[in-house]
mmCIF file of all heavy atoms, coordinates in Angstrom:
data_MODEL
# 
_entry.id   MODEL 
# 
loop_
_atom_site.group_PDB 
_atom_site.id 
_atom_site.type_symbol 
_atom_site.label_atom_id 
_atom_site.label_alt_id 
_atom_site.label_comp_id 
_atom_site.label_asym_id 
_atom_site.label_entity_id 
_atom_site.label_seq_id 
_atom_site.pdbx_PDB_ins_code 
_atom_site.Cartn_x 
_atom_site.Cartn_y 
_atom_site.Cartn_z 
_atom_site.occupancy 
_atom_site.B_iso_or_equiv 
_atom_site.pdbx_formal_charge 
_atom_site.auth_seq_id 
_atom_site.auth_comp_id 
_atom_site.auth_asym_id 
_atom_site.auth_atom_id 
_atom_site.pdbx_PDB_model_num 
ATOM 1   N N   . SER A 1 1  ? 67.371 39.470 -11.586 1.00 0.00 ? 1  SER A N   1 
ATOM 2   C CA  . SER A 1 1  ? 67.702 40.788 -11.034 1.00 0.00 ? 1  SER A CA  1 
ATOM 3   C C   . SER A 1 1  ? 67.074 41.951 -11.781 1.00 0.00 ? 1  SER A C   1 
ATOM 4   O O   . SER A 1 1  ? 66.869 43.019 -11.208 1.00 0.00 ? 1  SER A O   1 
ATOM 5   C CB  . SER A 1 1  ? 69.227 40.966 -11.009 1.00 0.00 ? 1  SER A CB  1 
ATOM 6   O OG  . SER A 1 1  ? 69.772 40.779 -12.306 1.00 0.00 ? 1  SER A OG  1 
ATOM 7   N N   . PHE A 1 2  ? 66.757 41.771 -13.062 1.00 0.00 ? 2  PHE A N   1 
ATOM 8   C CA  . PHE A 1 2  ? 66.163 42.866 -13.832 1.00 0.00 ? 2  PHE A CA  1 
ATOM 9   C C   . PHE A 1 2  ? 64.660 43.007 -13.566 1.00 0.00 ? 2  PHE A C   1 
ATOM 10  O O   . PHE A 1 2  ? 64.038 43.944 -14.065 1.00 0.00 ? 2  PHE A O   1 
ATOM 11  C CB  . PHE A 1 2  ? 66.387 42.647 -15.330 1.00 0.00 ? 2  PHE A CB  1 
ATOM 12  C CG  . PHE A 1 2  ? 67.832 42.573 -15.709 1.00 0.00 ? 2  PHE A CG  1 
ATOM 13  C CD1 . PHE A 1 2  ? 68.437 41.349 -15.941 1.00 0.00 ? 2  PHE A CD1 1 
ATOM 14  C CD2 . PHE A 1 2  ? 68.602 43.725 -15.832 1.00 0.00 ? 2  PHE A CD2 1 
ATOM 15  C CE1 . PHE A 1 2  ? 69.776 41.270 -16.281 1.00 0.00 ? 2  PHE A CE1 1 
ATOM 16  C CE2 . PHE A 1 2  ? 69.943 43.658 -16.166 1.00 0.00 ? 2  PHE A CE2 1 
ATOM 17  C CZ  . PHE A 1 2  ? 70.538 42.426 -16.396 1.00 0.00 ? 2  PHE A CZ  1 
ATOM 18  N N   . ALA A 1 3  ? 64.106 42.075 -12.812 1.00 0.00 ? 3  ALA A N   1 
ATOM 19  C CA  . ALA A 1 3  ? 62.657 42.056 -12.611 1.00 0.00 ? 3  ALA A CA  1 
ATOM 20  C C   . ALA A 1 3  ? 62.231 42.172 -11.151 1.00 0.00 ? 3  ALA A C   1 
ATOM 21  O O   . ALA A 1 3  ? 61.037 42.303 -10.877 1.00 0.00 ? 3  ALA A O   1 
ATOM 22  C CB  . ALA A 1 3  ? 62.076 40.772 -13.208 1.00 0.00 ? 3  ALA A CB  1 
ATOM 23  N N   . THR A 1 4  ? 63.171 42.148 -10.217 1.00 0.00 ? 4  THR A N   1 
ATOM 24  C CA  . THR A 1 4  ? 62.813 42.182 -8.804  1.00 0.00 ? 4  THR A CA  1 
ATOM 25  C C   . THR A 1 4  ? 62.108 43.500 -8.436  1.00 0.00 ? 4  THR A C   1 
ATOM 26  O O   . THR A 1 4  ? 62.248 44.495 -9.148  1.00 0.00 ? 4  THR A O   1 
ATOM 27  C CB  . THR A 1 4  ? 64.061 42.034 -7.921  1.00 0.00 ? 4  THR A CB  1 
ATOM 28  O OG1 . THR A 1 4  ? 64.980 43.089 -8.227  1.00 0.00 ? 4  THR A OG1 1 
ATOM 29  C CG2 . THR A 1 4  ? 64.734 40.684 -8.142  1.00 0.00 ? 4  THR A CG2 1 
ATOM 30  N N   . PRO A 1 5  ? 61.367 43.515 -7.342  1.00 0.00 ? 5  PRO A N   1 
ATOM 31  C CA  . PRO A 1 5  ? 60.657 44.734 -6.944  1.00 0.00 ? 5  PRO A CA  1 
ATOM 32  C C   . PRO A 1 5  ? 61.557 45.945 -6.764  1.00 0.00 ? 5  PRO A C   1 
ATOM 33  O O   . PRO A 1 5  ? 61.087 47.082 -6.885  1.00 0.00 ? 5  PRO A O   1 
ATOM 34  C CB  . PRO A 1 5  ? 60.015 44.327 -5.611  1.00 0.00 ? 5  PRO A CB  1 
ATOM 35  C CG  . PRO A 1 5  ? 59.839 42.846 -5.710  1.00 0.00 ? 5  PRO A CG  1 
ATOM 36  C CD  . PRO A 1 5  ? 61.036 42.361 -6.465  1.00 0.00 ? 5  PRO A CD  1 
ATOM 37  N N   . GLN A 1 6  ? 62.842 45.736 -6.481  1.00 0.00 ? 6  GLN A N   1 
ATOM 38  C CA  . GLN A 1 6  ? 63.761 46.859 -6.312  1.00 0.00 ? 6  GLN A CA  1 
ATOM 39  C C   . GLN A 1 6  ? 63.879 47.690 -7.598  1.00 0.00 ? 6  GLN A C   1 
ATOM 40  O O   . GLN A 1 6  ? 64.185 48.881 -7.550  1.00 0.00 ? 6  GLN A O   1 
ATOM 41  C CB  . GLN A 1 6  ? 65.149 46.363 -5.894  1.00 0.00 ? 6  GLN A CB  1 
ATOM 42  C CG  . GLN A 1 6  ? 65.228 45.842 -4.468  1.00 0.00 ? 6  GLN A CG  1 
ATOM 43  C CD  . GLN A 1 6  ? 64.654 44.454 -4.310  1.00 0.00 ? 6  GLN A CD  1 
ATOM 44  O OE1 . GLN A 1 6  ? 64.397 43.769 -5.296  1.00 0.00 ? 6  GLN A OE1 1 
ATOM 45  N NE2 . GLN A 1 6  ? 64.437 44.021 -3.073  1.00 0.00 ? 6  GLN A NE2 1 
ATOM 46  N N   . ASN A 1 7  ? 63.651 47.055 -8.741  1.00 0.00 ? 7  ASN A N   1 
ATOM 47  C CA  . ASN A 1 7  ? 63.674 47.790 -10.007 1.00 0.00 ? 7  ASN A CA  1 
ATOM 48  C C   . ASN A 1 7  ? 62.527 48.789 -10.043 1.00 0.00 ? 7  ASN A C   1 
ATOM 49  O O   . ASN A 1 7  ? 62.751 49.990 -10.157 1.00 0.00 ? 7  ASN A O   1 
ATOM 50  C CB  . ASN A 1 7  ? 63.575 46.829 -11.187 1.00 0.00 ? 7  ASN A CB  1 
ATOM 51  C CG  . ASN A 1 7  ? 64.836 46.018 -11.392 1.00 0.00 ? 7  ASN A CG  1 
ATOM 52  O OD1 . ASN A 1 7  ? 65.765 46.459 -12.036 1.00 0.00 ? 7  ASN A OD1 1 
ATOM 53  N ND2 . ASN A 1 7  ? 64.859 44.805 -10.838 1.00 0.00 ? 7  ASN A ND2 1 
ATOM 54  N N   . GLY A 1 8  ? 61.323 48.288 -10.026 1.00 0.00 ? 8  GLY A N   1 
ATOM 55  C CA  . GLY A 1 8  ? 60.156 49.163 -9.951  1.00 0.00 ? 8  GLY A CA  1 
ATOM 56  C C   . GLY A 1 8  ? 59.310 49.236 -11.196 1.00 0.00 ? 8  GLY A C   1 
ATOM 57  O O   . GLY A 1 8  ? 58.159 49.655 -11.148 1.00 0.00 ? 8  GLY A O   1 
ATOM 58  N N   . TRP A 1 9  ? 59.844 48.840 -12.367 1.00 0.00 ? 9  TRP A N   1 
ATOM 59  C CA  . TRP A 1 9  ? 59.076 49.004 -13.608 1.00 0.00 ? 9  TRP A CA  1 
ATOM 60  C C   . TRP A 1 9  ? 57.789 48.200 -13.608 1.00 0.00 ? 9  TRP A C   1 
ATOM 61  O O   . TRP A 1 9  ? 56.747 48.684 -14.082 1.00 0.00 ? 9  TRP A O   1 
ATOM 62  C CB  . TRP A 1 9  ? 59.929 48.642 -14.827 1.00 0.00 ? 9  TRP A CB  1 
ATOM 63  C CG  . TRP A 1 9  ? 60.340 47.200 -14.921 1.00 0.00 ? 9  TRP A CG  1 
ATOM 64  C CD1 . TRP A 1 9  ? 61.518 46.651 -14.503 1.00 0.00 ? 9  TRP A CD1 1 
ATOM 65  C CD2 . TRP A 1 9  ? 59.578 46.111 -15.468 1.00 0.00 ? 9  TRP A CD2 1 
ATOM 66  N NE1 . TRP A 1 9  ? 61.541 45.295 -14.745 1.00 0.00 ? 9  TRP A NE1 1 
ATOM 67  C CE2 . TRP A 1 9  ? 60.366 44.940 -15.340 1.00 0.00 ? 9  TRP A CE2 1 
ATOM 68  C CE3 . TRP A 1 9  ? 58.313 46.015 -16.059 1.00 0.00 ? 9  TRP A CE3 1 
ATOM 69  C CZ2 . TRP A 1 9  ? 59.921 43.694 -15.768 1.00 0.00 ? 9  TRP A CZ2 1 
ATOM 70  C CZ3 . TRP A 1 9  ? 57.862 44.765 -16.487 1.00 0.00 ? 9  TRP A CZ3 1 
ATOM 71  C CH2 . TRP A 1 9  ? 58.658 43.622 -16.349 1.00 0.00 ? 9  TRP A CH2 1 
ATOM 72  N N   . PHE A 1 10 ? 57.834 46.978 -13.071 1.00 0.00 ? 10 PHE A N   1 
ATOM 73  C CA  . PHE A 1 10 ? 56.643 46.118 -13.097 1.00 0.00 ? 10 PHE A CA  1 
ATOM 74  C C   . PHE A 1 10 ? 55.550 46.686 -12.203 1.00 0.00 ? 10 PHE A C   1 
ATOM 75  O O   . PHE A 1 10 ? 54.381 46.786 -12.605 1.00 0.00 ? 10 PHE A O   1 
ATOM 76  C CB  . PHE A 1 10 ? 57.021 44.700 -12.663 1.00 0.00 ? 10 PHE A CB  1 
ATOM 77  C CG  . PHE A 1 10 ? 55.858 43.739 -12.654 1.00 0.00 ? 10 PHE A CG  1 
ATOM 78  C CD1 . PHE A 1 10 ? 55.218 43.409 -13.831 1.00 0.00 ? 10 PHE A CD1 1 
ATOM 79  C CD2 . PHE A 1 10 ? 55.421 43.167 -11.462 1.00 0.00 ? 10 PHE A CD2 1 
ATOM 80  C CE1 . PHE A 1 10 ? 54.152 42.514 -13.827 1.00 0.00 ? 10 PHE A CE1 1 
ATOM 81  C CE2 . PHE A 1 10 ? 54.362 42.274 -11.452 1.00 0.00 ? 10 PHE A CE2 1 
ATOM 82  C CZ  . PHE A 1 10 ? 53.724 41.938 -12.635 1.00 0.00 ? 10 PHE A CZ  1 
ATOM 83  N N   . GLU A 1 11 ? 55.933 47.078 -10.996 1.00 0.00 ? 11 GLU A N   1 
ATOM 84  C CA  . GLU A 1 11 ? 54.952 47.645 -10.079 1.00 0.00 ? 11 GLU A CA  1 
ATOM 85  C C   . GLU A 1 11 ? 54.395 48.965 -10.611 1.00 0.00 ? 11 GLU A C   1 
ATOM 86  O O   . GLU A 1 11 ? 53.192 49.241 -10.495 1.00 0.00 ? 11 GLU A O   1 
ATOM 87  C CB  . GLU A 1 11 ? 55.587 47.847 -8.707  1.00 0.00 ? 11 GLU A CB  1 
ATOM 88  C CG  . GLU A 1 11 ? 55.863 46.555 -7.934  1.00 0.00 ? 11 GLU A CG  1 
ATOM 89  C CD  . GLU A 1 11 ? 57.004 45.720 -8.508  1.00 0.00 ? 11 GLU A CD  1 
ATOM 90  O OE1 . GLU A 1 11 ? 57.840 46.272 -9.274  1.00 0.00 ? 11 GLU A OE1 1 
ATOM 91  O OE2 . GLU A 1 11 ? 57.082 44.518 -8.202  1.00 0.00 ? 11 GLU A OE2 1 
ATOM 92  N N   . ALA A 1 12 ? 55.272 49.798 -11.203 1.00 0.00 ? 12 ALA A N   1 
ATOM 93  C CA  . ALA A 1 12 ? 54.815 51.066 -11.771 1.00 0.00 ? 12 ALA A CA  1 
ATOM 94  C C   . ALA A 1 12 ? 53.862 50.829 -12.936 1.00 0.00 ? 12 ALA A C   1 
ATOM 95  O O   . ALA A 1 12 ? 52.843 51.522 -13.077 1.00 0.00 ? 12 ALA A O   1 
ATOM 96  C CB  . ALA A 1 12 ? 56.010 51.896 -12.224 1.00 0.00 ? 12 ALA A CB  1 
ATOM 97  N N   . ALA A 1 13 ? 54.173 49.848 -13.780 1.00 0.00 ? 13 ALA A N   1 
ATOM 98  C CA  . ALA A 1 13 ? 53.309 49.533 -14.916 1.00 0.00 ? 13 ALA A CA  1 
ATOM 99  C C   . ALA A 1 13 ? 51.948 49.042 -14.457 1.00 0.00 ? 13 ALA A C   1 
ATOM 100 O O   . ALA A 1 13 ? 50.913 49.435 -15.004 1.00 0.00 ? 13 ALA A O   1 
ATOM 101 C CB  . ALA A 1 13 ? 53.976 48.486 -15.799 1.00 0.00 ? 13 ALA A CB  1 
ATOM 102 N N   . CYS A 1 14 ? 51.958 48.178 -13.442 1.00 0.00 ? 14 CYS A N   1 
ATOM 103 C CA  . CYS A 1 14 ? 50.686 47.677 -12.915 1.00 0.00 ? 14 CYS A CA  1 
ATOM 104 C C   . CYS A 1 14 ? 49.873 48.809 -12.310 1.00 0.00 ? 14 CYS A C   1 
ATOM 105 O O   . CYS A 1 14 ? 48.641 48.818 -12.395 1.00 0.00 ? 14 CYS A O   1 
ATOM 106 C CB  . CYS A 1 14 ? 50.939 46.580 -11.888 1.00 0.00 ? 14 CYS A CB  1 
ATOM 107 S SG  . CYS A 1 14 ? 51.529 45.021 -12.622 1.00 0.00 ? 14 CYS A SG  1 
ATOM 108 N N   . GLY A 1 15 ? 50.569 49.795 -11.716 1.00 0.00 ? 15 GLY A N   1 
ATOM 109 C CA  . GLY A 1 15 ? 49.875 50.966 -11.201 1.00 0.00 ? 15 GLY A CA  1 
ATOM 110 C C   . GLY A 1 15 ? 49.221 51.762 -12.316 1.00 0.00 ? 15 GLY A C   1 
ATOM 111 O O   . GLY A 1 15 ? 48.087 52.238 -12.189 1.00 0.00 ? 15 GLY A O   1 
ATOM 112 N N   . LEU A 1 16 ? 49.922 51.925 -13.433 1.00 0.00 ? 16 LEU A N   1 
ATOM 113 C CA  . LEU A 1 16 ? 49.362 52.620 -14.590 1.00 0.00 ? 16 LEU A CA  1 
ATOM 114 C C   . LEU A 1 16 ? 48.143 51.897 -15.136 1.00 0.00 ? 16 LEU A C   1 
ATOM 115 O O   . LEU A 1 16 ? 47.186 52.530 -15.608 1.00 0.00 ? 16 LEU A O   1 
ATOM 116 C CB  . LEU A 1 16 ? 50.414 52.742 -15.696 1.00 0.00 ? 16 LEU A CB  1 
ATOM 117 C CG  . LEU A 1 16 ? 51.610 53.662 -15.443 1.00 0.00 ? 16 LEU A CG  1 
ATOM 118 C CD1 . LEU A 1 16 ? 52.643 53.500 -16.559 1.00 0.00 ? 16 LEU A CD1 1 
ATOM 119 C CD2 . LEU A 1 16 ? 51.163 55.113 -15.347 1.00 0.00 ? 16 LEU A CD2 1 
ATOM 120 N N   . LEU A 1 17 ? 48.174 50.575 -15.069 1.00 0.00 ? 17 LEU A N   1 
ATOM 121 C CA  . LEU A 1 17 ? 47.115 49.756 -15.649 1.00 0.00 ? 17 LEU A CA  1 
ATOM 122 C C   . LEU A 1 17 ? 45.975 49.486 -14.677 1.00 0.00 ? 17 LEU A C   1 
ATOM 123 O O   . LEU A 1 17 ? 44.904 49.025 -15.092 1.00 0.00 ? 17 LEU A O   1 
ATOM 124 C CB  . LEU A 1 17 ? 47.696 48.421 -16.127 1.00 0.00 ? 17 LEU A CB  1 
ATOM 125 C CG  . LEU A 1 17 ? 48.720 48.494 -17.259 1.00 0.00 ? 17 LEU A CG  1 
ATOM 126 C CD1 . LEU A 1 17 ? 49.475 47.179 -17.383 1.00 0.00 ? 17 LEU A CD1 1 
ATOM 127 C CD2 . LEU A 1 17 ? 48.033 48.839 -18.571 1.00 0.00 ? 17 LEU A CD2 1 
ATOM 128 N N   . GLY A 1 18 ? 46.218 49.729 -13.389 1.00 0.00 ? 18 GLY A N   1 
ATOM 129 C CA  . GLY A 1 18 ? 45.206 49.423 -12.386 1.00 0.00 ? 18 GLY A CA  1 
ATOM 130 C C   . GLY A 1 18 ? 45.057 47.939 -12.128 1.00 0.00 ? 18 GLY A C   1 
ATOM 131 O O   . GLY A 1 18 ? 43.959 47.450 -11.837 1.00 0.00 ? 18 GLY A O   1 
ATOM 132 N N   . VAL A 1 19 ? 46.158 47.198 -12.241 1.00 0.00 ? 19 VAL A N   1 
ATOM 133 C CA  . VAL A 1 19 ? 46.133 45.756 -11.993 1.00 0.00 ? 19 VAL A CA  1 
ATOM 134 C C   . VAL A 1 19 ? 47.005 45.433 -10.782 1.00 0.00 ? 19 VAL A C   1 
ATOM 135 O O   . VAL A 1 19 ? 47.834 46.237 -10.354 1.00 0.00 ? 19 VAL A O   1 
ATOM 136 C CB  . VAL A 1 19 ? 46.605 44.962 -13.225 1.00 0.00 ? 19 VAL A CB  1 
ATOM 137 C CG1 . VAL A 1 19 ? 45.802 45.343 -14.459 1.00 0.00 ? 19 VAL A CG1 1 
ATOM 138 C CG2 . VAL A 1 19 ? 48.088 45.177 -13.480 1.00 0.00 ? 19 VAL A CG2 1 
ATOM 139 N N   . THR A 1 20 ? 46.818 44.232 -10.255 1.00 0.00 ? 20 THR A N   1 
ATOM 140 C CA  . THR A 1 20 ? 47.559 43.801 -9.070  1.00 0.00 ? 20 THR A CA  1 
ATOM 141 C C   . THR A 1 20 ? 48.847 43.090 -9.478  1.00 0.00 ? 20 THR A C   1 
ATOM 142 O O   . THR A 1 20 ? 48.803 42.106 -10.212 1.00 0.00 ? 20 THR A O   1 
ATOM 143 C CB  . THR A 1 20 ? 46.707 42.844 -8.225  1.00 0.00 ? 20 THR A CB  1 
ATOM 144 O OG1 . THR A 1 20 ? 45.509 43.513 -7.816  1.00 0.00 ? 20 THR A OG1 1 
ATOM 145 C CG2 . THR A 1 20 ? 47.473 42.375 -6.995  1.00 0.00 ? 20 THR A CG2 1 
ATOM 146 N N   . PRO A 1 21 ? 50.003 43.587 -9.023  1.00 0.00 ? 21 PRO A N   1 
ATOM 147 C CA  . PRO A 1 21 ? 51.270 42.917 -9.353  1.00 0.00 ? 21 PRO A CA  1 
ATOM 148 C C   . PRO A 1 21 ? 51.583 41.798 -8.367  1.00 0.00 ? 21 PRO A C   1 
ATOM 149 O O   . PRO A 1 21 ? 51.427 41.953 -7.157  1.00 0.00 ? 21 PRO A O   1 
ATOM 150 C CB  . PRO A 1 21 ? 52.292 44.041 -9.220  1.00 0.00 ? 21 PRO A CB  1 
ATOM 151 C CG  . PRO A 1 21 ? 51.722 44.950 -8.173  1.00 0.00 ? 21 PRO A CG  1 
ATOM 152 C CD  . PRO A 1 21 ? 50.217 44.852 -8.299  1.00 0.00 ? 21 PRO A CD  1 
ATOM 153 N N   . LEU A 1 22 ? 51.996 40.664 -8.898  1.00 0.00 ? 22 LEU A N   1 
ATOM 154 C CA  . LEU A 1 22 ? 52.445 39.544 -8.074  1.00 0.00 ? 22 LEU A CA  1 
ATOM 155 C C   . LEU A 1 22 ? 53.859 39.227 -8.539  1.00 0.00 ? 22 LEU A C   1 
ATOM 156 O O   . LEU A 1 22 ? 54.057 38.494 -9.504  1.00 0.00 ? 22 LEU A O   1 
ATOM 157 C CB  . LEU A 1 22 ? 51.513 38.348 -8.253  1.00 0.00 ? 22 LEU A CB  1 
ATOM 158 C CG  . LEU A 1 22 ? 51.660 37.168 -7.292  1.00 0.00 ? 22 LEU A CG  1 
ATOM 159 C CD1 . LEU A 1 22 ? 51.457 37.618 -5.849  1.00 0.00 ? 22 LEU A CD1 1 
ATOM 160 C CD2 . LEU A 1 22 ? 50.666 36.073 -7.639  1.00 0.00 ? 22 LEU A CD2 1 
ATOM 161 N N   . ASN A 1 23 ? 54.850 39.808 -7.873  1.00 0.00 ? 23 ASN A N   1 
ATOM 162 C CA  . ASN A 1 23 ? 56.230 39.737 -8.318  1.00 0.00 ? 23 ASN A CA  1 
ATOM 163 C C   . ASN A 1 23 ? 56.973 38.617 -7.602  1.00 0.00 ? 23 ASN A C   1 
ATOM 164 O O   . ASN A 1 23 ? 57.236 38.696 -6.407  1.00 0.00 ? 23 ASN A O   1 
ATOM 165 C CB  . ASN A 1 23 ? 56.928 41.077 -8.082  1.00 0.00 ? 23 ASN A CB  1 
ATOM 166 C CG  . ASN A 1 23 ? 58.249 41.170 -8.840  1.00 0.00 ? 23 ASN A CG  1 
ATOM 167 O OD1 . ASN A 1 23 ? 58.899 40.168 -9.103  1.00 0.00 ? 23 ASN A OD1 1 
ATOM 168 N ND2 . ASN A 1 23 ? 58.646 42.391 -9.177  1.00 0.00 ? 23 ASN A ND2 1 
ATOM 169 N N   . ARG A 1 24 ? 57.331 37.573 -8.358  1.00 0.00 ? 24 ARG A N   1 
ATOM 170 C CA  . ARG A 1 24 ? 58.054 36.434 -7.796  1.00 0.00 ? 24 ARG A CA  1 
ATOM 171 C C   . ARG A 1 24 ? 59.491 36.374 -8.317  1.00 0.00 ? 24 ARG A C   1 
ATOM 172 O O   . ARG A 1 24 ? 60.143 35.331 -8.228  1.00 0.00 ? 24 ARG A O   1 
ATOM 173 C CB  . ARG A 1 24 ? 57.313 35.138 -8.140  1.00 0.00 ? 24 ARG A CB  1 
ATOM 174 C CG  . ARG A 1 24 ? 55.932 35.028 -7.493  1.00 0.00 ? 24 ARG A CG  1 
ATOM 175 C CD  . ARG A 1 24 ? 56.047 34.613 -6.038  1.00 0.00 ? 24 ARG A CD  1 
ATOM 176 N NE  . ARG A 1 24 ? 54.859 34.943 -5.270  1.00 0.00 ? 24 ARG A NE  1 
ATOM 177 C CZ  . ARG A 1 24 ? 53.703 34.276 -5.276  1.00 0.00 ? 24 ARG A CZ  1 
ATOM 178 N NH1 . ARG A 1 24 ? 53.588 33.217 -6.026  1.00 0.00 ? 24 ARG A NH1 1 
ATOM 179 N NH2 . ARG A 1 24 ? 52.699 34.671 -4.533  1.00 0.00 ? 24 ARG A NH2 1 
# 
C-alpha cells in the first residue's frame, strides 16, 4: 500500500529523473 500508484512518490521521482516507471 505504501508503493501503489495512488501514493505518487515513485511516479513523481521517475518524472524528476526522466525514467519510465513500471509500478507493480
